[in-house]
Each structure stands twice: as structure tokens, then as C-alpha cells.
């Protein structure tokens, strides 16, 4: 069985952006050929894509930034120089990420994910971020 290297929690922040450290981890794992197949189908989509769209950055552009950096600080510096979004937009993105799954139209999908992972007994899982953290054994 292939060992999964989990990216950071979607709750973590970098350069004022919730979720960004996780996306950076996924890119680094992808570039190293170590991104587990479970993450590959949605790489650059889902929450990754939502960050790219909100930040106004293409996947190719941001992958290059991460590829040409060694530290998170270098990535954060690039974000500071190139991604100029009002704090209100960052806050709206944070709310979207942290509350996704509470919407009535998303609850069936969240429940399906919980069932697939054997987590239906976990009433504390109310959002997709909760689900990710539980599935990756953080909570």
C-alpha cells in the first residue's frame, strides 16, 4: 500500500490566505511525483481552483512560483507582490472554504463523502474542511 503524505490542513493560512499552505504542499508533492492518486483527480480544481480564481492566478503560473521557491516565505513574498486583493475578498474566501458543506445543496455530497470514508458516526463533521481533517486523521 502506497503511503499517503498528507498536505497541511485547509484551515492553515499563509500570506493572509486560508487554504494556501495546503495547496502549496500539494504542488510540491506533485512536482516531486509524490502526490497520492487520491489527490490527483482534483489537483488544481475544487478548493485549489477556488483559490486560483479568487487570487487571479493561473494554475500554471502558481505551479511555477512554487517550483522556483524553496521556502513558504518565498511563496508568501511572491503573493504579497503579485496578488493584490482586498482583505474583504480574502475574508469571503476564508468563509467559503471553512463553511463549505453547510449549504443545503452540498450536504448530500458531504454525507456521501463521510459514508465512503466510514465517518458517518462523526456528527462533529459539519463542513468539507472538517471532513478533510478527519479523513487525514487530524481530528
Protein backbone atom coordinates (compact mmCIF):
# COMPACT_ATOMS: atom_id res chain seq x y z
CA UNK A 1 0.00 0.00 0.00
CA UNK A 2 1.34 3.40 -1.01
CA UNK A 3 1.95 5.73 1.91
CA UNK A 4 -0.01 8.97 1.75
CA UNK A 5 1.85 12.17 2.57
CA UNK A 6 -0.90 14.48 3.74
CA UNK A 7 -0.77 18.15 2.84
CA UNK A 8 -1.40 20.65 5.62
CA UNK A 9 -4.89 21.29 6.94
CA UNK A 10 -7.11 23.53 4.82
CA UNK A 11 -7.53 25.65 7.97
CA UNK A 12 -3.91 26.86 7.87
CA UNK A 13 -3.03 30.28 6.48
CA UNK A 14 -0.18 31.81 4.53
CA UNK A 15 0.15 35.45 3.44
CA UNK A 16 -3.37 36.06 4.81
CA UNK A 17 -4.95 33.28 2.75
CA UNK A 18 -6.73 30.34 4.34
CA UNK A 19 -6.05 27.04 2.50
CA UNK A 20 -2.94 28.30 0.68
CA UNK A 21 -0.40 26.19 2.66
CA UNK A 22 -2.32 23.05 1.69
CA UNK A 23 -2.26 23.99 -1.98
CA UNK A 24 1.48 24.74 -1.80
CA UNK A 25 2.04 21.30 -0.22
CA UNK A 26 0.00 19.63 -2.95
CA UNK A 27 2.02 21.40 -5.64
CA UNK A 28 5.32 20.41 -4.02
CA UNK A 29 4.18 16.79 -3.73
CA UNK A 30 3.01 16.86 -7.36
CA UNK A 31 6.35 18.24 -8.57
CA UNK A 32 8.19 15.55 -6.60
CA UNK A 33 5.98 12.80 -8.05
CA UNK A 34 4.65 12.04 -4.56
CA UNK A 35 1.10 13.40 -4.75
CA UNK A 36 -1.05 10.42 -3.82
CA UNK A 37 -3.52 9.31 -6.53
CA UNK A 38 -6.43 10.23 -4.22
CA UNK A 39 -5.47 13.91 -4.68
CA UNK A 40 -4.62 13.90 -8.37
CA UNK A 41 -8.13 14.00 -9.87
CA UNK A 42 -8.94 17.30 -8.16
CA UNK A 43 -5.46 18.82 -8.31
CA UNK A 44 -5.96 22.44 -9.41
CA UNK A 45 -9.74 22.09 -9.06
CA UNK A 46 -12.12 22.29 -6.12
CA UNK A 47 -10.63 24.40 -3.33
CA UNK A 48 -7.36 24.70 -5.30
CA UNK A 49 -9.29 26.18 -8.22
CA UNK A 50 -11.30 28.43 -5.93
CA UNK A 51 -8.08 29.91 -4.54
CA UNK A 52 -6.62 30.39 -8.02
CA UNK A 53 -9.78 32.11 -9.24
CA UNK A 54 -10.06 34.37 -6.20
CA UNK A 55 -6.36 35.26 -6.33
CA UNK A 56 -6.48 35.86 -10.09
CA UNK A 57 -3.61 33.47 -10.77
CA UNK A 58 -3.43 30.62 -13.29
CA UNK A 59 -2.52 27.12 -12.15
CA UNK A 60 0.50 27.10 -14.45
CA UNK A 61 1.73 30.43 -13.10
CA UNK A 62 1.39 29.41 -9.47
CA UNK A 63 2.95 25.98 -10.01
CA UNK A 64 5.98 27.78 -11.47
CA UNK A 65 6.15 30.07 -8.42
CA UNK A 66 6.18 27.08 -6.07
CA UNK A 67 8.61 25.18 -8.32
CA UNK A 68 11.06 28.09 -8.23
CA UNK A 69 10.84 28.58 -4.46
CA UNK A 70 12.42 26.71 -1.60
CA UNK A 71 10.51 28.10 1.35
CA UNK A 72 6.99 29.13 2.24
CA UNK A 73 8.40 32.58 2.90
CA UNK A 74 9.40 32.92 -0.75
CA UNK A 75 5.90 31.92 -1.84
CA UNK A 76 4.36 34.36 0.66
CA UNK A 77 6.63 37.14 -0.62
CA UNK A 78 5.52 36.44 -4.20
CA UNK A 79 1.87 36.52 -3.09
CA UNK A 80 2.48 39.85 -1.35
CA UNK A 81 3.98 41.35 -4.51
CA UNK A 82 1.60 39.85 -7.08
CA UNK A 83 -1.79 39.09 -5.52
CA UNK A 84 -3.47 42.33 -4.53
CA UNK A 85 -6.89 41.52 -3.11
CA UNK A 86 -8.83 43.49 -0.52
CA UNK A 87 -9.00 41.96 2.93
CA UNK A 88 -12.78 41.63 2.50
CA UNK A 89 -12.21 39.35 -0.51
CA UNK A 90 -9.76 37.21 1.47
CA UNK A 91 -12.29 37.03 4.34
CA UNK A 92 -15.06 35.97 1.94
CA UNK A 93 -12.78 33.26 0.55
CA UNK A 94 -11.93 32.09 4.10
CA UNK A 95 -15.65 31.90 4.96
CA UNK A 96 -16.34 29.97 1.75
CA UNK A 97 -13.59 27.41 2.49
CA UNK A 98 -14.36 26.97 6.17
CA UNK A 99 -18.14 26.72 5.74
CA UNK A 100 -18.41 24.70 2.52
CA UNK A 101 -20.76 21.81 3.18
CA UNK A 102 -23.18 23.70 5.41
CA UNK A 103 -25.24 24.75 2.37
CA UNK A 104 -28.32 22.54 1.89
CA UNK A 105 -27.27 21.75 -1.69
CA UNK A 106 -23.87 20.46 -0.50
CA UNK A 107 -24.98 18.39 2.49
CA UNK A 108 -25.77 15.29 0.41
CA UNK A 109 -22.27 15.36 -1.10
CA UNK A 110 -20.67 15.79 2.32
CA UNK A 111 -22.73 12.90 3.70
CA UNK A 112 -21.69 10.75 0.72
CA UNK A 113 -18.01 11.51 1.43
CA UNK A 114 -18.48 10.66 5.11
CA UNK A 115 -20.13 7.37 4.16
CA UNK A 116 -17.36 6.48 1.71
CA UNK A 117 -14.78 7.05 4.44
CA UNK A 118 -16.64 5.29 7.24
CA UNK A 119 -17.18 8.56 9.10
CA UNK A 120 -20.99 8.67 9.25
CA UNK A 121 -20.83 8.32 13.05
CA UNK A 122 -18.94 11.65 13.29
CA UNK A 123 -21.57 14.32 13.96
CA UNK A 124 -18.77 16.84 14.51
CA UNK A 125 -18.03 16.76 10.77
CA UNK A 126 -20.19 19.62 9.50
CA UNK A 127 -18.07 21.01 6.64
CA UNK A 128 -15.70 19.72 3.98
CA UNK A 129 -12.77 21.14 5.96
CA UNK A 130 -13.94 19.11 8.98
CA UNK A 131 -14.18 16.08 6.70
CA UNK A 132 -10.69 16.60 5.24
CA UNK A 133 -9.16 16.99 8.70
CA UNK A 134 -10.96 13.87 9.96
CA UNK A 135 -10.12 11.82 6.86
CA UNK A 136 -6.46 12.82 7.18
CA UNK A 137 -6.53 11.89 10.88
CA UNK A 138 -6.03 15.39 12.31
CA UNK A 139 -9.31 15.45 14.28
